[in-house]
C-alpha atoms as a PDB file:
ATOM      1  CA  UNK A   1      -9.233  35.981  18.757  1.00  0.00           C
ATOM      2  CA  UNK A   2      -8.173  33.510  21.744  1.00  0.00           C
ATOM      3  CA  UNK A   3     -11.594  32.637  22.406  1.00  0.00           C
ATOM      4  CA  UNK A   4     -12.358  31.796  19.114  1.00  0.00           C
ATOM      5  CA  UNK A   5      -9.172  29.482  18.502  1.00  0.00           C
ATOM      6  CA  UNK A   6     -10.257  27.652  21.681  1.00  0.00           C
ATOM      7  CA  UNK A   7     -13.219  26.157  20.012  1.00  0.00           C
ATOM      8  CA  UNK A   8     -11.478  25.281  16.788  1.00  0.00           C
ATOM      9  CA  UNK A   9      -8.657  24.047  18.227  1.00  0.00           C
ATOM     10  CA  UNK A  10     -11.270  21.966  20.649  1.00  0.00           C
ATOM     11  CA  UNK A  11     -12.989  20.854  17.451  1.00  0.00           C
ATOM     12  CA  UNK A  12      -9.927  19.938  15.788  1.00  0.00           C
ATOM     13  CA  UNK A  13      -8.364  18.360  18.428  1.00  0.00           C
ATOM     14  CA  UNK A  14     -11.614  16.468  18.690  1.00  0.00           C
ATOM     15  CA  UNK A  15     -11.538  15.138  15.013  1.00  0.00           C
ATOM     16  CA  UNK A  16      -7.736  14.088  15.463  1.00  0.00           C
ATOM     17  CA  UNK A  17      -8.560  12.069  18.609  1.00  0.00           C
ATOM     18  CA  UNK A  18     -11.594  10.411  16.256  1.00  0.00           C
ATOM     19  CA  UNK A  19      -9.814   9.149  13.514  1.00  0.00           C
ATOM     20  CA  UNK A  20      -6.765   8.131  15.559  1.00  0.00           C
ATOM     21  CA  UNK A  21      -9.230   5.607  17.075  1.00  0.00           C
ATOM     22  CA  UNK A  22     -10.781   4.773  14.091  1.00  0.00           C
ATOM     23  CA  UNK A  23      -7.539   3.690  12.405  1.00  0.00           C
ATOM     24  CA  UNK A  24      -5.798   2.165  15.786  1.00  0.00           C
ATOM     25  CA  UNK A  25      -8.964   0.006  16.614  1.00  0.00           C
ATOM     26  CA  UNK A  26      -8.357  -2.670  14.070  1.00  0.00           C
ATOM     27  CA  UNK A  27      -5.166  -2.782  15.563  1.00  0.00           C
ATOM     28  CA  UNK A  28      -6.363  -3.304  18.816  1.00  0.00           C
ATOM     29  CA  UNK A  29      -8.826  -5.451  17.845  1.00  0.00           C
ATOM     30  CA  UNK A  30      -6.182  -7.928  16.300  1.00  0.00           C
ATOM     31  CA  UNK A  31      -4.284  -8.088  19.507  1.00  0.00           C
ATOM     32  CA  UNK A  32      -7.072  -8.490  21.949  1.00  0.00           C
ATOM     33  CA  UNK A  33      -8.481 -11.715  19.552  1.00  0.00           C
ATOM     34  CA  UNK A  34      -4.090 -13.251  19.333  1.00  0.00           C
ATOM     35  CA  UNK A  35      -4.467 -13.582  23.448  1.00  0.00           C
ATOM     36  CA  UNK A  36      -8.178 -14.851  23.312  1.00  0.00           C
ATOM     37  CA  UNK A  37      -8.737 -18.640  23.827  1.00  0.00           C
ATOM     38  CA  UNK A  38     -10.405 -20.212  20.952  1.00  0.00           C
ATOM     39  CA  UNK A  39     -13.007 -20.564  21.965  1.00  0.00           C
ATOM     40  CA  UNK A  40     -13.816 -17.242  23.066  1.00  0.00           C
ATOM     41  CA  UNK A  41     -12.685 -15.796  20.006  1.00  0.00           C
ATOM     42  CA  UNK A  42     -15.138 -17.606  17.827  1.00  0.00           C
ATOM     43  CA  UNK A  43     -18.033 -16.999  20.842  1.00  0.00           C
ATOM     44  CA  UNK A  44     -21.661 -14.943  19.456  1.00  0.00           C
ATOM     45  CA  UNK A  45     -20.833 -13.339  23.188  1.00  0.00           C
ATOM     46  CA  UNK A  46     -17.530 -11.840  22.971  1.00  0.00           C
ATOM     47  CA  UNK A  47     -16.118 -10.408  26.291  1.00  0.00           C
ATOM     48  CA  UNK A  48     -13.619  -7.886  25.182  1.00  0.00           C
ATOM     49  CA  UNK A  49     -12.106  -7.185  28.538  1.00  0.00           C
ATOM     50  CA  UNK A  50     -12.972 -10.193  30.869  1.00  0.00           C
ATOM     51  CA  UNK A  51     -11.416 -13.304  29.187  1.00  0.00           C
ATOM     52  CA  UNK A  52      -7.770 -14.904  30.758  1.00  0.00           C
ATOM     53  CA  UNK A  53      -5.354 -14.127  28.007  1.00  0.00           C
ATOM     54  CA  UNK A  54      -3.559 -17.192  27.061  1.00  0.00           C
ATOM     55  CA  UNK A  55      -0.329 -17.505  24.222  1.00  0.00           C
ATOM     56  CA  UNK A  56      -1.484 -20.804  22.942  1.00  0.00           C
ATOM     57  CA  UNK A  57      -2.406 -18.717  19.614  1.00  0.00           C
ATOM     58  CA  UNK A  58       1.246 -17.821  19.629  1.00  0.00           C
ATOM     59  CA  UNK A  59       2.677 -21.522  20.475  1.00  0.00           C
ATOM     60  CA  UNK A  60       0.926 -22.588  17.529  1.00  0.00           C
ATOM     61  CA  UNK A  61       2.633 -19.779  15.336  1.00  0.00           C
ATOM     62  CA  UNK A  62       6.154 -20.808  16.380  1.00  0.00           C
ATOM     63  CA  UNK A  63       5.632 -24.186  15.241  1.00  0.00           C
ATOM     64  CA  UNK A  64       5.410 -23.294  11.504  1.00  0.00           C
ATOM     65  CA  UNK A  65       7.904 -25.132   9.668  1.00  0.00           C
ATOM     66  CA  UNK A  66      11.015 -22.672   8.353  1.00  0.00           C
ATOM     67  CA  UNK A  67       9.181 -19.456  10.548  1.00  0.00           C
ATOM     68  CA  UNK A  68      13.129 -18.383  11.482  1.00  0.00           C
ATOM     69  CA  UNK A  69      13.907 -18.738   7.327  1.00  0.00           C
ATOM     70  CA  UNK A  70      10.792 -16.512   6.500  1.00  0.00           C
ATOM     71  CA  UNK A  71      11.606 -13.711   9.051  1.00  0.00           C
ATOM     72  CA  UNK A  72      15.382 -13.974   7.579  1.00  0.00           C
ATOM     73  CA  UNK A  73      13.932 -13.209   3.744  1.00  0.00           C
ATOM     74  CA  UNK A  74      11.421 -10.815   4.687  1.00  0.00           C
ATOM     75  CA  UNK A  75      14.091  -8.846   6.795  1.00  0.00           C
ATOM     76  CA  UNK A  76      17.009  -9.038   3.587  1.00  0.00           C
ATOM     77  CA  UNK A  77      14.040  -7.556   1.216  1.00  0.00           C
ATOM     78  CA  UNK A  78      12.846  -4.994   3.301  1.00  0.00           C
ATOM     79  CA  UNK A  79      16.647  -4.378   4.334  1.00  0.00           C
ATOM     80  CA  UNK A  80      17.519  -4.530   0.838  1.00  0.00           C
ATOM     81  CA  UNK A  81      14.760  -2.250  -0.736  1.00  0.00           C
ATOM     82  CA  UNK A  82      15.303   0.479   1.695  1.00  0.00           C
ATOM     83  CA  UNK A  83      19.128   0.784   1.555  1.00  0.00           C
ATOM     84  CA  UNK A  84      18.544   1.157  -2.524  1.00  0.00           C
ATOM     85  CA  UNK A  85      15.548   3.027  -2.901  1.00  0.00           C
ATOM     86  CA  UNK A  86      17.295   5.497  -0.311  1.00  0.00           C
ATOM     87  CA  UNK A  87      20.535   5.603  -2.500  1.00  0.00           C
ATOM     88  CA  UNK A  88      18.784   5.905  -5.819  1.00  0.00           C
ATOM     89  CA  UNK A  89      15.977   8.336  -4.786  1.00  0.00           C
ATOM     90  CA  UNK A  90      18.794  10.233  -2.858  1.00  0.00           C
ATOM     91  CA  UNK A  91      20.884  10.661  -6.115  1.00  0.00           C
ATOM     92  CA  UNK A  92      17.807  10.654  -8.272  1.00  0.00           C
ATOM     93  CA  UNK A  93      16.232  13.608  -6.665  1.00  0.00           C
ATOM     94  CA  UNK A  94      19.177  15.710  -6.719  1.00  0.00           C
ATOM     95  CA  UNK A  95      19.641  15.400 -10.709  1.00  0.00           C
ATOM     96  CA  UNK A  96      16.210  16.437 -10.894  1.00  0.00           C
ATOM     97  CA  UNK A  97      16.565  19.405  -8.074  1.00  0.00           C
ATOM     98  CA  UNK A  98      20.089  20.791  -8.937  1.00  0.00           C
ATOM     99  CA  UNK A  99      20.617  20.370 -12.889  1.00  0.00           C
ATOM    100  CA  UNK A 100      18.189  21.450 -16.018  1.00  0.00           C
ATOM    101  CA  UNK A 101      17.903  19.578 -18.638  1.00  0.00           C
ATOM    102  CA  UNK A 102      15.171  18.277 -21.310  1.00  0.00           C
ATOM    103  CA  UNK A 103      12.683  16.191 -20.555  1.00  0.00           C
ATOM    104  CA  UNK A 104      12.804  17.159 -16.635  1.00  0.00           C
ATOM    105  CA  UNK A 105       9.148  17.871 -16.369  1.00  0.00           C
ATOM    106  CA  UNK A 106       7.860  15.324 -18.473  1.00  0.00           C
ATOM    107  CA  UNK A 107       9.891  12.699 -16.160  1.00  0.00           C
ATOM    108  CA  UNK A 108       8.658  14.158 -12.461  1.00  0.00           C
ATOM    109  CA  UNK A 109       5.020  13.644 -14.076  1.00  0.00           C
ATOM    110  CA  UNK A 110       6.001  10.387 -15.252  1.00  0.00           C
ATOM    111  CA  UNK A 111       6.817   9.696 -11.281  1.00  0.00           C
ATOM    112  CA  UNK A 112       3.269  10.385 -10.460  1.00  0.00           C
ATOM    113  CA  UNK A 113       1.639   9.214 -13.026  1.00  0.00           C
ATOM    114  CA  UNK A 114       3.471   5.838 -11.938  1.00  0.00           C
ATOM    115  CA  UNK A 115       1.596   6.340  -8.432  1.00  0.00           C
ATOM    116  CA  UNK A 116      -1.655   6.523  -9.871  1.00  0.00           C
ATOM    117  CA  UNK A 117      -1.433   2.346 -11.776  1.00  0.00           C
ATOM    118  CA  UNK A 118      -2.913   0.110  -9.428  1.00  0.00           C
ATOM    119  CA  UNK A 119      -0.646  -2.679  -8.382  1.00  0.00           C
ATOM    120  CA  UNK A 120      -3.229  -5.161  -9.123  1.00  0.00           C
ATOM    121  CA  UNK A 121      -3.351  -4.411 -12.710  1.00  0.00           C
ATOM    122  CA  UNK A 122       0.525  -4.831 -12.923  1.00  0.00           C
ATOM    123  CA  UNK A 123       0.882  -8.070 -11.143  1.00  0.00           C
ATOM    124  CA  UNK A 124       0.743 -10.014 -13.808  1.00  0.00           C
ATOM    125  CA  UNK A 125       2.774  -8.549 -16.556  1.00  0.00           C
ATOM    126  CA  UNK A 126       5.634  -8.326 -13.760  1.00  0.00           C
ATOM    127  CA  UNK A 127       4.810 -11.611 -13.666  1.00  0.00           C
ATOM    128  CA  UNK A 128       6.417 -12.358 -17.310  1.00  0.00           C
ATOM    129  CA  UNK A 129       8.868  -9.529 -16.977  1.00  0.00           C
ATOM    130  CA  UNK A 130      10.183 -11.588 -14.096  1.00  0.00           C
ATOM    131  CA  UNK A 131      10.282 -14.520 -15.732  1.00  0.00           C
ATOM    132  CA  UNK A 132      12.365 -12.770 -18.536  1.00  0.00           C
ATOM    133  CA  UNK A 133      14.676 -11.286 -16.319  1.00  0.00           C
ATOM    134  CA  UNK A 134      15.480 -14.930 -14.410  1.00  0.00           C
ATOM    135  CA  UNK A 135      16.471 -15.991 -17.888  1.00  0.00           C
ATOM    136  CA  UNK A 136      18.909 -13.635 -18.078  1.00  0.00           C
ATOM    137  CA  UNK A 137      19.792 -12.998 -14.394  1.00  0.00           C
ATOM    138  CA  UNK A 138      18.672 -16.067 -12.322  1.00  0.00           C
ATOM    139  CA  UNK A 139      18.739 -13.750  -8.874  1.00  0.00           C
ATOM    140  CA  UNK A 140      16.481 -11.809 -10.038  1.00  0.00           C
ATOM    141  CA  UNK A 141      14.093 -14.271 -12.038  1.00  0.00           C
ATOM    142  CA  UNK A 142      10.959 -16.211 -10.337  1.00  0.00           C
ATOM    143  CA  UNK A 143      11.394 -18.046  -7.119  1.00  0.00           C
ATOM    144  CA  UNK A 144      14.060 -15.554  -5.763  1.00  0.00           C
ATOM    145  CA  UNK A 145      14.032 -13.287  -3.773  1.00  0.00           C
ATOM    146  CA  UNK A 146      16.281 -10.602  -5.808  1.00  0.00           C
ATOM    147  CA  UNK A 147      12.535 -10.211  -7.553  1.00  0.00           C
ATOM    148  CA  UNK A 148      10.701  -9.535  -5.089  1.00  0.00           C
ATOM    149  CA  UNK A 149      13.540  -6.418  -4.051  1.00  0.00           C
ATOM    150  CA  UNK A 150      13.426  -5.624  -7.668  1.00  0.00           C
ATOM    151  CA  UNK A 151       9.359  -5.493  -8.053  1.00  0.00           C
ATOM    152  CA  UNK A 152       9.341  -3.204  -4.553  1.00  0.00           C
ATOM    153  CA  UNK A 153      11.883  -0.921  -5.774  1.00  0.00           C
ATOM    154  CA  UNK A 154       9.836  -0.002  -9.088  1.00  0.00           C
ATOM    155  CA  UNK A 155       7.299   0.765  -6.596  1.00  0.00           C
ATOM    156  CA  UNK A 156       8.822   2.755  -3.901  1.00  0.00           C
ATOM    157  CA  UNK A 157      11.286   4.540  -5.739  1.00  0.00           C
ATOM    158  CA  UNK A 158       8.801   7.088  -7.481  1.00  0.00           C
ATOM    159  CA  UNK A 159       7.431   8.245  -4.258  1.00  0.00           C
ATOM    160  CA  UNK A 160      10.497   8.312  -2.699  1.00  0.00           C
ATOM    161  CA  UNK A 161      12.134  10.293  -5.192  1.00  0.00           C
ATOM    162  CA  UNK A 162       9.113  12.946  -5.098  1.00  0.00           C
ATOM    163  CA  UNK A 163       9.603  12.966  -1.514  1.00  0.00           C
ATOM    164  CA  UNK A 164      12.924  14.312  -1.412  1.00  0.00           C
ATOM    165  CA  UNK A 165      12.949  16.690  -4.144  1.00  0.00           C
ATOM    166  CA  UNK A 166      11.203  18.744  -1.647  1.00  0.00           C
ATOM    167  CA  UNK A 167      13.970  18.629   0.645  1.00  0.00           C
ATOM    168  CA  UNK A 168      16.297  19.157  -1.810  1.00  0.00           C
ATOM    169  CA  UNK A 169      15.158  21.724  -3.311  1.00  0.00           C
ATOM    170  CA  UNK A 170      14.543  23.652   0.269  1.00  0.00           C
ATOM    171  CA  UNK A 171      18.203  23.661   0.706  1.00  0.00           C
ATOM    172  CA  UNK A 172      19.392  27.632  -0.511  1.00  0.00           C
ATOM    173  CA  UNK A 173      21.509  27.736  -3.415  1.00  0.00           C
ATOM    174  CA  UNK A 174      23.849  29.569  -1.989  1.00  0.00           C
ATOM    175  CA  UNK A 175      25.076  26.705   0.330  1.00  0.00           C
ATOM    176  CA  UNK A 176      26.345  24.917  -2.732  1.00  0.00           C
ATOM    177  CA  UNK A 177      27.710  28.528  -4.030  1.00  0.00           C
ATOM    178  CA  UNK A 178      29.611  28.737  -0.481  1.00  0.00           C
ATOM    179  CA  UNK A 179      31.017  25.095  -0.247  1.00  0.00           C
ATOM    180  CA  UNK A 180      32.468  25.897  -4.030  1.00  0.00           C
ATOM    181  CA  UNK A 181      34.398  28.489  -2.632  1.00  0.00           C
ATOM    182  CA  UNK A 182      36.094  26.903  -0.107  1.00  0.00           C
ATOM    183  CA  UNK A 183      37.454  24.590  -2.234  1.00  0.00           C
ATOM    184  CA  UNK A 184      34.660  21.518  -1.931  1.00  0.00           C
ATOM    185  CA  UNK A 185      33.804  19.785  -4.949  1.00  0.00           C
ATOM    186  CA  UNK A 186      29.963  18.877  -6.213  1.00  0.00           C
ATOM    187  CA  UNK A 187      30.167  15.454  -5.325  1.00  0.00           C
ATOM    188  CA  UNK A 188      31.916  16.330  -1.913  1.00  0.00           C
ATOM    189  CA  UNK A 189      28.982  18.878  -1.329  1.00  0.00           C
ATOM    190  CA  UNK A 190      26.477  16.619  -2.037  1.00  0.00           C
ATOM    191  CA  UNK A 191      27.619  13.631   0.515  1.00  0.00           C
ATOM    192  CA  UNK A 192      29.011  15.912   3.219  1.00  0.00           C
ATOM    193  CA  UNK A 193      26.706  19.079   3.250  1.00  0.00           C
ATOM    194  CA  UNK A 194      23.625  18.040   1.372  1.00  0.00           C
ATOM    195  CA  UNK A 195      22.815  14.520   2.359  1.00  0.00           C
ATOM    196  CA  UNK A 196      23.109  15.389   6.335  1.00  0.00           C
ATOM    197  CA  UNK A 197      20.718  18.036   5.728  1.00  0.00           C
ATOM    198  CA  UNK A 198      18.581  15.932   3.822  1.00  0.00           C
ATOM    199  CA  UNK A 199      18.681  12.997   6.527  1.00  0.00           C
ATOM    200  CA  UNK A 200      14.545  13.534   7.975  1.00  0.00           C
ATOM    201  CA  UNK A 201      13.274  12.929   4.246  1.00  0.00           C
ATOM    202  CA  UNK A 202      15.079   9.922   4.146  1.00  0.00           C
ATOM    203  CA  UNK A 203      14.397   8.346   7.616  1.00  0.00           C
ATOM    204  CA  UNK A 204      10.425   9.357   6.317  1.00  0.00           C
ATOM    205  CA  UNK A 205      11.046   7.335   3.133  1.00  0.00           C
ATOM    206  CA  UNK A 206      12.460   4.596   4.404  1.00  0.00           C
ATOM    207  CA  UNK A 207       9.671   3.991   6.761  1.00  0.00           C
ATOM    208  CA  UNK A 208       7.282   4.337   3.927  1.00  0.00           C
ATOM    209  CA  UNK A 209       9.639   1.846   2.210  1.00  0.00           C
ATOM    210  CA  UNK A 210      10.294  -0.727   4.866  1.00  0.00           C
ATOM    211  CA  UNK A 211       6.524  -0.890   5.546  1.00  0.00           C
ATOM    212  CA  UNK A 212       5.666  -1.530   1.687  1.00  0.00           C
ATOM    213  CA  UNK A 213       8.446  -4.240   1.390  1.00  0.00           C
ATOM    214  CA  UNK A 214       7.789  -5.653   4.792  1.00  0.00           C
ATOM    215  CA  UNK A 215       3.695  -6.104   4.826  1.00  0.00           C
ATOM    216  CA  UNK A 216       3.820  -7.250   0.835  1.00  0.00           C
ATOM    217  CA  UNK A 217       1.926 -10.502   0.322  1.00  0.00           C
ATOM    218  CA  UNK A 218       0.450  -9.758  -2.982  1.00  0.00           C
ATOM    219  CA  UNK A 219       4.179 -10.345  -5.223  1.00  0.00           C
ATOM    220  CA  UNK A 220       5.588 -12.922  -2.612  1.00  0.00           C
ATOM    221  CA  UNK A 221       2.460 -14.759  -3.353  1.00  0.00           C
ATOM    222  CA  UNK A 222       2.833 -14.363  -6.984  1.00  0.00           C
ATOM    223  CA  UNK A 223       6.746 -14.298  -7.928  1.00  0.00           C
ATOM    224  CA  UNK A 224       7.924 -17.147  -5.190  1.00  0.00           C
ATOM    225  CA  UNK A 225       5.801 -19.933  -6.689  1.00  0.00           C
ATOM    226  CA  UNK A 226       7.802 -23.317  -5.455  1.00  0.00           C
ATOM    227  CA  UNK A 227      10.821 -22.405  -3.808  1.00  0.00           C
ATOM    228  CA  UNK A 228       9.438 -22.576  -0.249  1.00  0.00           C
ATOM    229  CA  UNK A 229      12.973 -21.809   1.191  1.00  0.00           C
ATOM    230  CA  UNK A 230      12.516 -18.429  -0.454  1.00  0.00           C
ATOM    231  CA  UNK A 231       8.910 -17.293   0.920  1.00  0.00           C
ATOM    232  CA  UNK A 232       8.616 -14.159   3.213  1.00  0.00           C
ATOM    233  CA  UNK A 233       6.988 -13.858   6.606  1.00  0.00           C
ATOM    234  CA  UNK A 234       3.385 -13.178   4.847  1.00  0.00           C
ATOM    235  CA  UNK A 235       3.421 -16.337   3.648  1.00  0.00           C
ATOM    236  CA  UNK A 236       3.844 -18.193   6.910  1.00  0.00           C
ATOM    237  CA  UNK A 237       0.034 -17.008   8.040  1.00  0.00           C
ATOM    238  CA  UNK A 238      -1.400 -19.027   4.780  1.00  0.00           C
ATOM    239  CA  UNK A 239      -1.066 -22.228   6.778  1.00  0.00           C
ATOM    240  CA  UNK A 240      -3.921 -21.261   8.823  1.00  0.00           C
ATOM    241  CA  UNK A 241      -6.001 -20.806   6.516  1.00  0.00           C
ATOM    242  CA  UNK A 242      -7.283 -24.530   5.551  1.00  0.00           C
ATOM    243  CA  UNK A 243     -10.433 -25.697   4.067  1.00  0.00           C
ATOM    244  CA  UNK A 244     -11.269 -27.242   7.329  1.00  0.00           C
ATOM    245  CA  UNK A 245     -11.497 -24.000   9.098  1.00  0.00           C
ATOM    246  CA  UNK A 246      -9.360 -20.954   9.767  1.00  0.00           C
ATOM    247  CA  UNK A 247      -7.108 -20.336  12.969  1.00  0.00           C
ATOM    248  CA  UNK A 248      -8.009 -17.112  13.901  1.00  0.00           C
ATOM    249  CA  UNK A 249      -6.370 -16.905  16.829  1.00  0.00           C
ATOM    250  CA  UNK A 250      -2.793 -18.334  15.277  1.00  0.00           C
ATOM    251  CA  UNK A 251      -3.419 -15.425  12.070  1.00  0.00           C
ATOM    252  CA  UNK A 252      -4.456 -12.664  14.966  1.00  0.00           C
ATOM    253  CA  UNK A 253      -0.986 -13.740  16.332  1.00  0.00           C
ATOM    254  CA  UNK A 254       0.897 -14.115  13.454  1.00  0.00           C
ATOM    255  CA  UNK A 255      -0.047 -10.893  12.370  1.00  0.00           C
ATOM    256  CA  UNK A 256       0.589  -9.123  15.488  1.00  0.00           C
ATOM    257  CA  UNK A 257       4.262 -10.531  15.470  1.00  0.00           C
ATOM    258  CA  UNK A 258       4.577  -8.863  11.996  1.00  0.00           C
ATOM    259  CA  UNK A 259       4.005  -5.676  13.471  1.00  0.00           C
ATOM    260  CA  UNK A 260       6.334  -5.923  16.179  1.00  0.00           C
ATOM    261  CA  UNK A 261       9.677  -5.334  13.820  1.00  0.00           C
ATOM    262  CA  UNK A 262       7.928  -2.133  12.155  1.00  0.00           C
ATOM    263  CA  UNK A 263       7.155  -0.776  15.400  1.00  0.00           C
ATOM    264  CA  UNK A 264      10.496  -1.175  16.473  1.00  0.00           C
ATOM    265  CA  UNK A 265      12.091   0.533  13.240  1.00  0.00           C
ATOM    266  CA  UNK A 266       9.307   3.422  13.820  1.00  0.00           C
ATOM    267  CA  UNK A 267      10.595   4.238  17.061  1.00  0.00           C
ATOM    268  CA  UNK A 268      13.940   4.252  16.449  1.00  0.00           C
ATOM    269  CA  UNK A 269      13.551   7.103  13.353  1.00  0.00           C
ATOM    270  CA  UNK A 270      10.608   8.953  15.150  1.00  0.00           C
ATOM    271  CA  UNK A 271      12.512  11.675  15.652  1.00  0.00           C
ATOM    272  CA  UNK A 272      13.337  12.281  12.311  1.00  0.00           C
ATOM    273  CA  UNK A 273      10.285  11.054  10.983  1.00  0.00           C
ATOM    274  CA  UNK A 274       7.957  13.634  12.058  1.00  0.00           C
ATOM    275  CA  UNK A 275      10.154  16.701  10.847  1.00  0.00           C
ATOM    276  CA  UNK A 276      10.813  14.127   7.763  1.00  0.00           C
ATOM    277  CA  UNK A 277       6.829  14.268   6.835  1.00  0.00           C
ATOM    278  CA  UNK A 278       6.530  17.749   7.691  1.00  0.00           C
ATOM    279  CA  UNK A 279       9.646  18.687   5.328  1.00  0.00           C
ATOM    280  CA  UNK A 280       7.835  16.821   2.463  1.00  0.00           C
ATOM    281  CA  UNK A 281       4.544  18.584   3.153  1.00  0.00           C
ATOM    282  CA  UNK A 282       6.118  22.129   2.728  1.00  0.00           C
ATOM    283  CA  UNK A 283       8.135  21.016  -0.047  1.00  0.00           C
END
């Protein structure tokens, strides 16, 4: 049996390595291009390993006016989306798992259907919706960061709720019964017992929500029209696309810098992320 497993294991590992190489190659080429001299980057005879690295592209990125403000805005939007989506998705997952009510199955199906609608198809309706919201609550209307937070929550919550539902369902009902017998209220059980147990799922959903909000360009371009002080970091790269030509070195350098916060966030939560994704598949 072990003799049969070894070829299968070797084949599975080979396929996994091949997939990892294909996925990682664009990231590798982006970082490599960020350090290339301008002439080498546009050369018809590229030298991937023999060029002299330079930081000129990164220097041009740091000369963009308001770059620090763009970074802070992106951090505020992504942080708000992560915190609010975690709280709302956790409470919604508890309600969908621990309570029985009319329309529960329909609501679960609607969460799946919400993931099937293309983002591009909803951009224009959301634009008019945010314009109307701004007339009632200006902080959440067009040209305000609140509009980006609301839109990202609308797309992050369905997936987060569906993932966390599996984690909440995996917690035995007997554990809640034991907590009640010990005198704990349902609220205390949810926050002091259930919440720590589903922490891996919370981490997994937080990573997905953070990446979705941090890398967003479409909504930032659509909803932040004239308020340059509320632009997010992806918009800073637009200055390097000009009618005279594109500064690909600065574009690659800016994209490389944008990936650093995501990598830092991933490194901080990586231990719980693996168990979180495994639990989501199991649930």
